[in-house]
C-alpha atoms as a PDB file:
ATOM      1  CA  UNK A   1     254.055 165.731  11.076  1.00  0.00           C
ATOM      2  CA  UNK A   2     250.364 166.045  11.836  1.00  0.00           C
ATOM      3  CA  UNK A   3     249.034 163.574  14.358  1.00  0.00           C
ATOM      4  CA  UNK A   4     246.492 161.102  13.067  1.00  0.00           C
ATOM      5  CA  UNK A   5     242.977 161.720  14.268  1.00  0.00           C
ATOM      6  CA  UNK A   6     241.588 158.642  16.052  1.00  0.00           C
ATOM      7  CA  UNK A   7     238.891 156.855  14.121  1.00  0.00           C
ATOM      8  CA  UNK A   8     235.562 156.793  15.997  1.00  0.00           C
ATOM      9  CA  UNK A   9     235.194 153.035  15.365  1.00  0.00           C
ATOM     10  CA  UNK A  10     238.627 152.042  16.769  1.00  0.00           C
ATOM     11  CA  UNK A  11     239.231 154.603  19.512  1.00  0.00           C
ATOM     12  CA  UNK A  12     239.440 153.244  23.044  1.00  0.00           C
ATOM     13  CA  UNK A  13     238.230 156.495  24.577  1.00  0.00           C
ATOM     14  CA  UNK A  14     234.866 157.214  26.033  1.00  0.00           C
ATOM     15  CA  UNK A  15     233.794 158.428  22.596  1.00  0.00           C
ATOM     16  CA  UNK A  16     233.262 154.783  21.649  1.00  0.00           C
ATOM     17  CA  UNK A  17     229.981 154.662  23.573  1.00  0.00           C
ATOM     18  CA  UNK A  18     227.797 156.478  20.972  1.00  0.00           C
ATOM     19  CA  UNK A  19     229.201 154.312  18.202  1.00  0.00           C
ATOM     20  CA  UNK A  20     228.697 151.084  20.072  1.00  0.00           C
ATOM     21  CA  UNK A  21     225.201 152.112  21.075  1.00  0.00           C
ATOM     22  CA  UNK A  22     224.350 152.934  17.448  1.00  0.00           C
ATOM     23  CA  UNK A  23     225.493 149.422  16.412  1.00  0.00           C
ATOM     24  CA  UNK A  24     223.414 147.783  19.144  1.00  0.00           C
ATOM     25  CA  UNK A  25     220.252 149.881  19.123  1.00  0.00           C
ATOM     26  CA  UNK A  26     219.041 149.210  15.574  1.00  0.00           C
ATOM     27  CA  UNK A  27     215.522 148.291  14.408  1.00  0.00           C
ATOM     28  CA  UNK A  28     216.507 144.648  13.592  1.00  0.00           C
ATOM     29  CA  UNK A  29     218.094 144.213  16.997  1.00  0.00           C
ATOM     30  CA  UNK A  30     215.142 145.780  18.734  1.00  0.00           C
ATOM     31  CA  UNK A  31     212.865 143.287  16.924  1.00  0.00           C
ATOM     32  CA  UNK A  32     215.086 140.479  18.119  1.00  0.00           C
ATOM     33  CA  UNK A  33     214.869 141.733  21.719  1.00  0.00           C
ATOM     34  CA  UNK A  34     211.070 142.094  21.430  1.00  0.00           C
ATOM     35  CA  UNK A  35     210.831 138.296  21.298  1.00  0.00           C
ATOM     36  CA  UNK A  36     212.439 138.127  24.702  1.00  0.00           C
ATOM     37  CA  UNK A  37     209.884 140.587  26.057  1.00  0.00           C
ATOM     38  CA  UNK A  38     207.041 138.485  24.665  1.00  0.00           C
ATOM     39  CA  UNK A  39     208.444 135.204  25.996  1.00  0.00           C
ATOM     40  CA  UNK A  40     207.311 135.501  29.662  1.00  0.00           C
ATOM     41  CA  UNK A  41     203.799 136.413  28.520  1.00  0.00           C
ATOM     42  CA  UNK A  42     203.730 133.393  26.204  1.00  0.00           C
ATOM     43  CA  UNK A  43     204.870 131.063  28.971  1.00  0.00           C
ATOM     44  CA  UNK A  44     202.310 132.452  31.396  1.00  0.00           C
ATOM     45  CA  UNK A  45     199.532 131.947  28.838  1.00  0.00           C
ATOM     46  CA  UNK A  46     200.668 128.384  28.267  1.00  0.00           C
ATOM     47  CA  UNK A  47     200.795 127.524  31.936  1.00  0.00           C
ATOM     48  CA  UNK A  48     197.318 129.092  32.418  1.00  0.00           C
ATOM     49  CA  UNK A  49     195.981 126.972  29.532  1.00  0.00           C
ATOM     50  CA  UNK A  50     195.209 129.782  27.101  1.00  0.00           C
ATOM     51  CA  UNK A  51     196.574 128.211  23.875  1.00  0.00           C
ATOM     52  CA  UNK A  52     195.044 130.553  21.304  1.00  0.00           C
ATOM     53  CA  UNK A  53     196.348 133.809  22.831  1.00  0.00           C
ATOM     54  CA  UNK A  54     199.710 132.084  23.367  1.00  0.00           C
ATOM     55  CA  UNK A  55     199.799 130.965  19.743  1.00  0.00           C
ATOM     56  CA  UNK A  56     198.918 134.465  18.565  1.00  0.00           C
ATOM     57  CA  UNK A  57     201.942 135.923  20.436  1.00  0.00           C
ATOM     58  CA  UNK A  58     204.089 133.074  19.125  1.00  0.00           C
ATOM     59  CA  UNK A  59     203.049 134.064  15.624  1.00  0.00           C
ATOM     60  CA  UNK A  60     204.068 137.644  16.361  1.00  0.00           C
ATOM     61  CA  UNK A  61     207.437 136.367  17.580  1.00  0.00           C
ATOM     62  CA  UNK A  62     207.922 134.280  14.435  1.00  0.00           C
ATOM     63  CA  UNK A  63     207.048 137.277  12.231  1.00  0.00           C
ATOM     64  CA  UNK A  64     209.617 139.470  14.034  1.00  0.00           C
ATOM     65  CA  UNK A  65     212.155 136.649  13.605  1.00  0.00           C
ATOM     66  CA  UNK A  66     211.598 136.793   9.833  1.00  0.00           C
ATOM     67  CA  UNK A  67     211.530 140.613   9.743  1.00  0.00           C
ATOM     68  CA  UNK A  68     214.729 141.342  11.652  1.00  0.00           C
ATOM     69  CA  UNK A  69     216.935 139.603   9.115  1.00  0.00           C
ATOM     70  CA  UNK A  70     215.088 141.077   6.180  1.00  0.00           C
ATOM     71  CA  UNK A  71     215.271 144.585   7.577  1.00  0.00           C
ATOM     72  CA  UNK A  72     218.952 144.165   8.422  1.00  0.00           C
ATOM     73  CA  UNK A  73     219.673 143.351   4.782  1.00  0.00           C
ATOM     74  CA  UNK A  74     217.300 145.990   3.447  1.00  0.00           C
ATOM     75  CA  UNK A  75     218.706 148.766   5.699  1.00  0.00           C
ATOM     76  CA  UNK A  76     222.328 147.578   5.342  1.00  0.00           C
ATOM     77  CA  UNK A  77     222.525 146.862   9.055  1.00  0.00           C
ATOM     78  CA  UNK A  78     223.790 143.272   8.807  1.00  0.00           C
ATOM     79  CA  UNK A  79     226.428 142.648  11.432  1.00  0.00           C
ATOM     80  CA  UNK A  80     227.951 139.745  13.382  1.00  0.00           C
ATOM     81  CA  UNK A  81     226.571 141.329  16.533  1.00  0.00           C
ATOM     82  CA  UNK A  82     223.075 141.237  15.097  1.00  0.00           C
ATOM     83  CA  UNK A  83     223.471 137.648  13.937  1.00  0.00           C
ATOM     84  CA  UNK A  84     224.695 136.525  17.378  1.00  0.00           C
ATOM     85  CA  UNK A  85     221.872 138.398  19.127  1.00  0.00           C
ATOM     86  CA  UNK A  86     219.312 136.817  16.810  1.00  0.00           C
ATOM     87  CA  UNK A  87     220.748 133.332  17.382  1.00  0.00           C
ATOM     88  CA  UNK A  88     220.864 133.697  21.188  1.00  0.00           C
ATOM     89  CA  UNK A  89     217.308 135.052  21.367  1.00  0.00           C
ATOM     90  CA  UNK A  90     216.035 132.267  19.122  1.00  0.00           C
ATOM     91  CA  UNK A  91     217.651 129.550  21.181  1.00  0.00           C
ATOM     92  CA  UNK A  92     216.450 130.969  24.514  1.00  0.00           C
ATOM     93  CA  UNK A  93     212.933 131.382  23.060  1.00  0.00           C
ATOM     94  CA  UNK A  94     212.705 127.875  21.641  1.00  0.00           C
ATOM     95  CA  UNK A  95     214.264 126.221  24.645  1.00  0.00           C
ATOM     96  CA  UNK A  96     211.977 127.949  27.118  1.00  0.00           C
ATOM     97  CA  UNK A  97     208.807 127.142  25.186  1.00  0.00           C
ATOM     98  CA  UNK A  98     209.800 123.527  24.672  1.00  0.00           C
ATOM     99  CA  UNK A  99     210.508 123.056  28.416  1.00  0.00           C
ATOM    100  CA  UNK A 100     207.109 124.514  29.189  1.00  0.00           C
ATOM    101  CA  UNK A 101     205.418 122.162  26.732  1.00  0.00           C
ATOM    102  CA  UNK A 102     207.200 119.192  28.254  1.00  0.00           C
ATOM    103  CA  UNK A 103     205.640 120.147  31.585  1.00  0.00           C
ATOM    104  CA  UNK A 104     202.087 120.885  30.413  1.00  0.00           C
ATOM    105  CA  UNK A 105     201.464 119.262  27.010  1.00  0.00           C
ATOM    106  CA  UNK A 106     203.263 115.898  26.993  1.00  0.00           C
ATOM    107  CA  UNK A 107     205.979 116.961  24.582  1.00  0.00           C
ATOM    108  CA  UNK A 108     208.570 114.173  24.825  1.00  0.00           C
ATOM    109  CA  UNK A 109     211.444 115.106  27.088  1.00  0.00           C
ATOM    110  CA  UNK A 110     214.001 113.479  24.765  1.00  0.00           C
ATOM    111  CA  UNK A 111     212.846 115.681  21.857  1.00  0.00           C
ATOM    112  CA  UNK A 112     213.110 118.885  23.839  1.00  0.00           C
ATOM    113  CA  UNK A 113     216.518 117.801  25.172  1.00  0.00           C
ATOM    114  CA  UNK A 114     217.741 117.045  21.653  1.00  0.00           C
ATOM    115  CA  UNK A 115     216.682 120.493  20.359  1.00  0.00           C
ATOM    116  CA  UNK A 116     218.197 122.299  23.339  1.00  0.00           C
ATOM    117  CA  UNK A 117     221.413 120.218  23.180  1.00  0.00           C
ATOM    118  CA  UNK A 118     221.768 120.979  19.476  1.00  0.00           C
ATOM    119  CA  UNK A 119     221.232 124.683  20.064  1.00  0.00           C
ATOM    120  CA  UNK A 120     223.801 124.828  22.870  1.00  0.00           C
ATOM    121  CA  UNK A 121     226.411 123.140  20.646  1.00  0.00           C
ATOM    122  CA  UNK A 122     225.594 125.533  17.768  1.00  0.00           C
ATOM    123  CA  UNK A 123     225.931 128.559  20.098  1.00  0.00           C
ATOM    124  CA  UNK A 124     229.256 127.202  21.415  1.00  0.00           C
ATOM    125  CA  UNK A 125     230.533 126.745  17.901  1.00  0.00           C
ATOM    126  CA  UNK A 126     229.421 130.257  16.925  1.00  0.00           C
ATOM    127  CA  UNK A 127     231.217 131.654  19.967  1.00  0.00           C
ATOM    128  CA  UNK A 128     234.439 129.907  18.901  1.00  0.00           C
ATOM    129  CA  UNK A 129     234.100 131.277  15.348  1.00  0.00           C
ATOM    130  CA  UNK A 130     233.526 134.792  16.652  1.00  0.00           C
ATOM    131  CA  UNK A 131     236.510 134.594  18.968  1.00  0.00           C
ATOM    132  CA  UNK A 132     238.978 133.028  16.555  1.00  0.00           C
ATOM    133  CA  UNK A 133     237.822 134.298  13.155  1.00  0.00           C
ATOM    134  CA  UNK A 134     235.560 137.242  13.894  1.00  0.00           C
ATOM    135  CA  UNK A 135     232.693 135.755  11.933  1.00  0.00           C
ATOM    136  CA  UNK A 136     229.499 133.809  12.585  1.00  0.00           C
ATOM    137  CA  UNK A 137     227.423 131.234  10.756  1.00  0.00           C
ATOM    138  CA  UNK A 138     224.422 132.550   8.890  1.00  0.00           C
ATOM    139  CA  UNK A 139     221.270 130.422   8.709  1.00  0.00           C
ATOM    140  CA  UNK A 140     220.948 128.591   5.412  1.00  0.00           C
ATOM    141  CA  UNK A 141     218.016 126.746   3.848  1.00  0.00           C
ATOM    142  CA  UNK A 142     218.488 123.750   6.095  1.00  0.00           C
ATOM    143  CA  UNK A 143     218.446 125.940   9.193  1.00  0.00           C
ATOM    144  CA  UNK A 144     215.326 127.801   7.976  1.00  0.00           C
ATOM    145  CA  UNK A 145     213.459 124.583   7.216  1.00  0.00           C
ATOM    146  CA  UNK A 146     214.397 123.192  10.614  1.00  0.00           C
ATOM    147  CA  UNK A 147     213.276 126.429  12.317  1.00  0.00           C
ATOM    148  CA  UNK A 148     209.927 126.271  10.477  1.00  0.00           C
ATOM    149  CA  UNK A 149     209.496 122.661  11.606  1.00  0.00           C
ATOM    150  CA  UNK A 150     210.206 123.653  15.196  1.00  0.00           C
ATOM    151  CA  UNK A 151     207.467 126.257  14.877  1.00  0.00           C
ATOM    152  CA  UNK A 152     205.055 123.584  13.651  1.00  0.00           C
ATOM    153  CA  UNK A 153     206.045 121.322  16.535  1.00  0.00           C
ATOM    154  CA  UNK A 154     205.367 124.101  19.047  1.00  0.00           C
ATOM    155  CA  UNK A 155     201.992 124.919  17.429  1.00  0.00           C
ATOM    156  CA  UNK A 156     201.094 121.180  17.346  1.00  0.00           C
ATOM    157  CA  UNK A 157     201.620 120.672  21.086  1.00  0.00           C
ATOM    158  CA  UNK A 158     200.263 124.084  22.049  1.00  0.00           C
ATOM    159  CA  UNK A 159     196.890 123.414  20.394  1.00  0.00           C
ATOM    160  CA  UNK A 160     196.780 119.643  21.154  1.00  0.00           C
ATOM    161  CA  UNK A 161     193.906 119.157  18.727  1.00  0.00           C
ATOM    162  CA  UNK A 162     192.490 115.660  19.466  1.00  0.00           C
ATOM    163  CA  UNK A 163     191.983 114.839  15.812  1.00  0.00           C
ATOM    164  CA  UNK A 164     195.662 115.416  15.116  1.00  0.00           C
ATOM    165  CA  UNK A 165     197.044 113.438  18.038  1.00  0.00           C
ATOM    166  CA  UNK A 166     197.365 110.201  16.015  1.00  0.00           C
ATOM    167  CA  UNK A 167     199.951 112.017  13.888  1.00  0.00           C
ATOM    168  CA  UNK A 168     202.104 112.885  16.937  1.00  0.00           C
ATOM    169  CA  UNK A 169     204.673 110.210  16.295  1.00  0.00           C
ATOM    170  CA  UNK A 170     205.071 111.336  12.672  1.00  0.00           C
ATOM    171  CA  UNK A 171     205.697 114.921  13.824  1.00  0.00           C
ATOM    172  CA  UNK A 172     208.204 113.814  16.482  1.00  0.00           C
ATOM    173  CA  UNK A 173     210.082 111.661  13.960  1.00  0.00           C
ATOM    174  CA  UNK A 174     210.236 114.436  11.344  1.00  0.00           C
ATOM    175  CA  UNK A 175     211.629 116.902  13.938  1.00  0.00           C
ATOM    176  CA  UNK A 176     214.080 114.294  15.192  1.00  0.00           C
ATOM    177  CA  UNK A 177     215.442 113.681  11.684  1.00  0.00           C
ATOM    178  CA  UNK A 178     215.811 117.421  11.042  1.00  0.00           C
ATOM    179  CA  UNK A 179     217.608 117.928  14.356  1.00  0.00           C
ATOM    180  CA  UNK A 180     220.290 115.471  13.200  1.00  0.00           C
ATOM    181  CA  UNK A 181     220.432 116.820   9.593  1.00  0.00           C
ATOM    182  CA  UNK A 182     220.673 120.459  10.683  1.00  0.00           C
ATOM    183  CA  UNK A 183     223.344 119.715  13.274  1.00  0.00           C
ATOM    184  CA  UNK A 184     225.456 117.819  10.719  1.00  0.00           C
ATOM    185  CA  UNK A 185     225.008 120.760   8.335  1.00  0.00           C
ATOM    186  CA  UNK A 186     226.169 123.260  10.984  1.00  0.00           C
ATOM    187  CA  UNK A 187     229.090 120.992  11.871  1.00  0.00           C
ATOM    188  CA  UNK A 188     230.127 120.936   8.196  1.00  0.00           C
ATOM    189  CA  UNK A 189     230.043 124.701   8.015  1.00  0.00           C
ATOM    190  CA  UNK A 190     232.025 124.981  11.278  1.00  0.00           C
ATOM    191  CA  UNK A 191     234.688 122.584   9.994  1.00  0.00           C
ATOM    192  CA  UNK A 192     235.017 124.465   6.710  1.00  0.00           C
ATOM    193  CA  UNK A 193     235.610 127.679   8.571  1.00  0.00           C
ATOM    194  CA  UNK A 194     238.074 126.341  11.110  1.00  0.00           C
ATOM    195  CA  UNK A 195     239.925 123.625   9.178  1.00  0.00           C
ATOM    196  CA  UNK A 196     240.762 122.602   5.642  1.00  0.00           C
ATOM    197  CA  UNK A 197     237.902 120.124   5.666  1.00  0.00           C
ATOM    198  CA  UNK A 198     236.094 119.953   2.303  1.00  0.00           C
ATOM    199  CA  UNK A 199     233.624 117.503   0.800  1.00  0.00           C
ATOM    200  CA  UNK A 200     234.807 115.555  -2.285  1.00  0.00           C
ATOM    201  CA  UNK A 201     234.655 117.885  -5.258  1.00  0.00           C
ATOM    202  CA  UNK A 202     234.172 120.984  -3.125  1.00  0.00           C
ATOM    203  CA  UNK A 203     236.504 123.932  -3.612  1.00  0.00           C
ATOM    204  CA  UNK A 204     237.680 126.344  -0.923  1.00  0.00           C
END
């Protein structure tokens, strides 16, 4: 009987390296990693009080964040690895910028702590899903709206336009509400994937 030839994707030999590299080094993943490369420059510009150049690089980061997912779907390169990488980079990017804005732009500490705490819990839940079920949570409309609001929050405190400062409490409240809503939404998705939890009238 002819011996079965090992499949490149499941072999445990050294031949796995080219396959794993090809799954990691893709255009969407490189776009995700580019945000990490821009992050130190953005933080330096913020600390040195150059808000406009910092905001320009932030805009570039946000564009790459939108492009990586679109390209992954367009080029059929969607993978759990790519989703995890995108999530981790996003959380590190947002957390770092918020901490910097707390230090230099009077962003409330409680708001930054709430965002970072939410993100840590979401990453922990995603890690559990990957370990137990081999899947991750994709961002839905609630997550996208919340992410867009975080971007507005960052832009608001980066520019610190005097005429807009009276609206600061409204911005903080809106972000605070979305932090809670988005976390509850992620929690519901997590429970559906890990338990038999369903909302009334919802089918499996």
